[in-house]
């Protein structure tokens, strides 16, 4: 099975809201995810995450801490996703690749259709991962 390794930013604001993005392309178009993307050869996960967020959202982030690595089997590939808690340092979260985005309160996290690999982390954030 094909292996894909990605990074994801769980971006929060001072009010405790989480930034979610809606995919605008591909097989999983219209599903919601945490922004991020594939690691390039030679990059650390943190370097990849900062690059991806700049490319996708024209935003600089501060990576606060590693949260967890999610392992998920999709029908066509196995996903390894390294998730980091972050906040915006500068920029305006301008959508370059996504169809839409929302700031979600913890109680509203399950109001969007998350990608399967993101769902367990969403539940953990909802019940109280410290932001």
Protein backbone atom coordinates (compact mmCIF):
# COMPACT_ATOMS: atom_id res chain seq x y z
CA UNK A 1 0.00 0.00 0.00
CA UNK A 2 1.20 3.50 -0.82
CA UNK A 3 2.47 5.49 2.20
CA UNK A 4 1.89 9.24 2.53
CA UNK A 5 3.41 11.34 5.32
CA UNK A 6 1.89 14.74 6.04
CA UNK A 7 1.79 17.46 8.68
CA UNK A 8 -1.27 19.25 10.01
CA UNK A 9 -1.70 22.53 11.88
CA UNK A 10 -4.32 22.72 14.57
CA UNK A 11 -4.47 26.51 14.55
CA UNK A 12 -6.27 28.08 17.48
CA UNK A 13 -7.01 31.67 18.44
CA UNK A 14 -7.11 33.48 21.77
CA UNK A 15 -10.80 32.55 22.17
CA UNK A 16 -10.04 28.82 21.89
CA UNK A 17 -11.53 28.42 18.43
CA UNK A 18 -10.00 25.99 15.90
CA UNK A 19 -9.39 26.83 12.23
CA UNK A 20 -10.83 24.28 9.79
CA UNK A 21 -10.47 24.23 6.01
CA UNK A 22 -12.61 22.64 3.31
CA UNK A 23 -10.88 20.80 0.49
CA UNK A 24 -11.51 22.30 -2.93
CA UNK A 25 -10.16 19.48 -5.10
CA UNK A 26 -9.64 15.75 -5.49
CA UNK A 27 -11.48 12.67 -4.35
CA UNK A 28 -12.16 14.19 -0.92
CA UNK A 29 -13.41 17.55 -2.29
CA UNK A 30 -15.75 19.38 0.12
CA UNK A 31 -14.58 17.41 3.18
CA UNK A 32 -13.04 19.36 6.07
CA UNK A 33 -9.49 19.05 7.36
CA UNK A 34 -6.78 20.74 9.35
CA UNK A 35 -4.50 22.71 6.98
CA UNK A 36 -1.10 21.29 6.13
CA UNK A 37 0.35 18.95 3.55
CA UNK A 38 3.06 16.60 2.43
CA UNK A 39 6.58 16.70 3.76
CA UNK A 40 9.37 17.18 1.23
CA UNK A 41 12.61 15.20 1.27
CA UNK A 42 14.98 16.58 3.89
CA UNK A 43 12.38 18.63 5.76
CA UNK A 44 11.58 18.25 9.42
CA UNK A 45 7.85 18.08 10.19
CA UNK A 46 8.01 21.58 11.66
CA UNK A 47 9.71 23.01 8.55
CA UNK A 48 7.15 21.30 6.32
CA UNK A 49 4.27 22.65 8.37
CA UNK A 50 5.50 26.23 8.26
CA UNK A 51 6.12 25.97 4.49
CA UNK A 52 2.71 24.40 3.81
CA UNK A 53 0.79 26.97 5.85
CA UNK A 54 2.60 29.78 4.05
CA UNK A 55 1.85 28.20 0.63
CA UNK A 56 -1.80 27.43 1.42
CA UNK A 57 -2.76 30.41 3.58
CA UNK A 58 -0.04 33.10 3.24
CA UNK A 59 0.27 33.00 7.01
CA UNK A 60 3.20 32.59 9.38
CA UNK A 61 2.48 30.35 12.34
CA UNK A 62 4.06 29.66 15.69
CA UNK A 63 4.25 25.95 16.40
CA UNK A 64 3.48 25.57 20.09
CA UNK A 65 3.78 21.82 20.53
CA UNK A 66 3.38 18.41 18.97
CA UNK A 67 -0.03 16.86 19.70
CA UNK A 68 0.04 13.40 18.12
CA UNK A 69 0.71 11.32 15.04
CA UNK A 70 -2.37 9.84 13.40
CA UNK A 71 -2.07 6.63 11.40
CA UNK A 72 -5.01 5.98 9.06
CA UNK A 73 -5.70 3.53 6.25
CA UNK A 74 -7.60 5.02 3.34
CA UNK A 75 -8.61 2.66 0.50
CA UNK A 76 -5.72 3.79 -1.76
CA UNK A 77 -2.99 4.65 0.77
CA UNK A 78 -1.80 4.65 4.37
CA UNK A 79 -1.59 8.12 5.92
CA UNK A 80 0.82 9.20 8.65
CA UNK A 81 -0.18 12.67 9.87
CA UNK A 82 1.91 14.61 12.40
CA UNK A 83 -0.34 17.12 14.18
CA UNK A 84 0.86 20.30 15.88
CA UNK A 85 -0.92 22.90 17.96
CA UNK A 86 -0.23 26.36 16.47
CA UNK A 87 -1.31 29.97 16.46
CA UNK A 88 -1.04 32.74 13.88
CA UNK A 89 2.07 34.87 14.08
CA UNK A 90 1.31 37.06 11.05
CA UNK A 91 -0.91 36.98 7.99
CA UNK A 92 -4.62 36.76 7.35
CA UNK A 93 -5.30 33.07 6.59
CA UNK A 94 -5.94 33.80 2.91
CA UNK A 95 -7.30 30.69 1.15
CA UNK A 96 -5.08 29.68 -1.78
CA UNK A 97 -6.11 26.03 -2.21
CA UNK A 98 -9.17 25.48 -0.04
CA UNK A 99 -12.78 26.07 -0.94
CA UNK A 100 -13.79 27.51 2.43
CA UNK A 101 -12.64 27.90 6.03
CA UNK A 102 -14.23 28.40 9.43
CA UNK A 103 -13.23 29.18 12.97
CA UNK A 104 -15.04 26.59 15.11
CA UNK A 105 -15.73 26.67 18.83
CA UNK A 106 -15.10 23.37 20.62
CA UNK A 107 -18.83 22.70 20.76
CA UNK A 108 -19.14 23.19 17.00
CA UNK A 109 -16.18 21.05 15.91
CA UNK A 110 -18.37 18.18 14.75
CA UNK A 111 -20.66 20.48 12.73
CA UNK A 112 -18.58 19.93 9.57
CA UNK A 113 -17.81 16.73 7.66
CA UNK A 114 -14.21 15.98 8.70
CA UNK A 115 -11.94 13.66 6.75
CA UNK A 116 -11.83 10.23 8.43
CA UNK A 117 -8.21 10.61 9.58
CA UNK A 118 -9.08 13.85 11.42
CA UNK A 119 -12.13 12.63 13.33
CA UNK A 120 -10.42 11.11 16.40
CA UNK A 121 -8.34 14.25 16.90
CA UNK A 122 -11.49 16.38 16.55
CA UNK A 123 -13.14 14.36 19.32
CA UNK A 124 -10.08 14.79 21.56
CA UNK A 125 -10.06 18.55 20.94
CA UNK A 126 -13.76 18.72 21.72
CA UNK A 127 -13.42 16.96 25.08
CA UNK A 128 -10.54 18.97 26.28
CA UNK A 129 -7.06 18.97 24.78
CA UNK A 130 -5.51 22.02 26.43
CA UNK A 131 -5.09 24.87 23.95
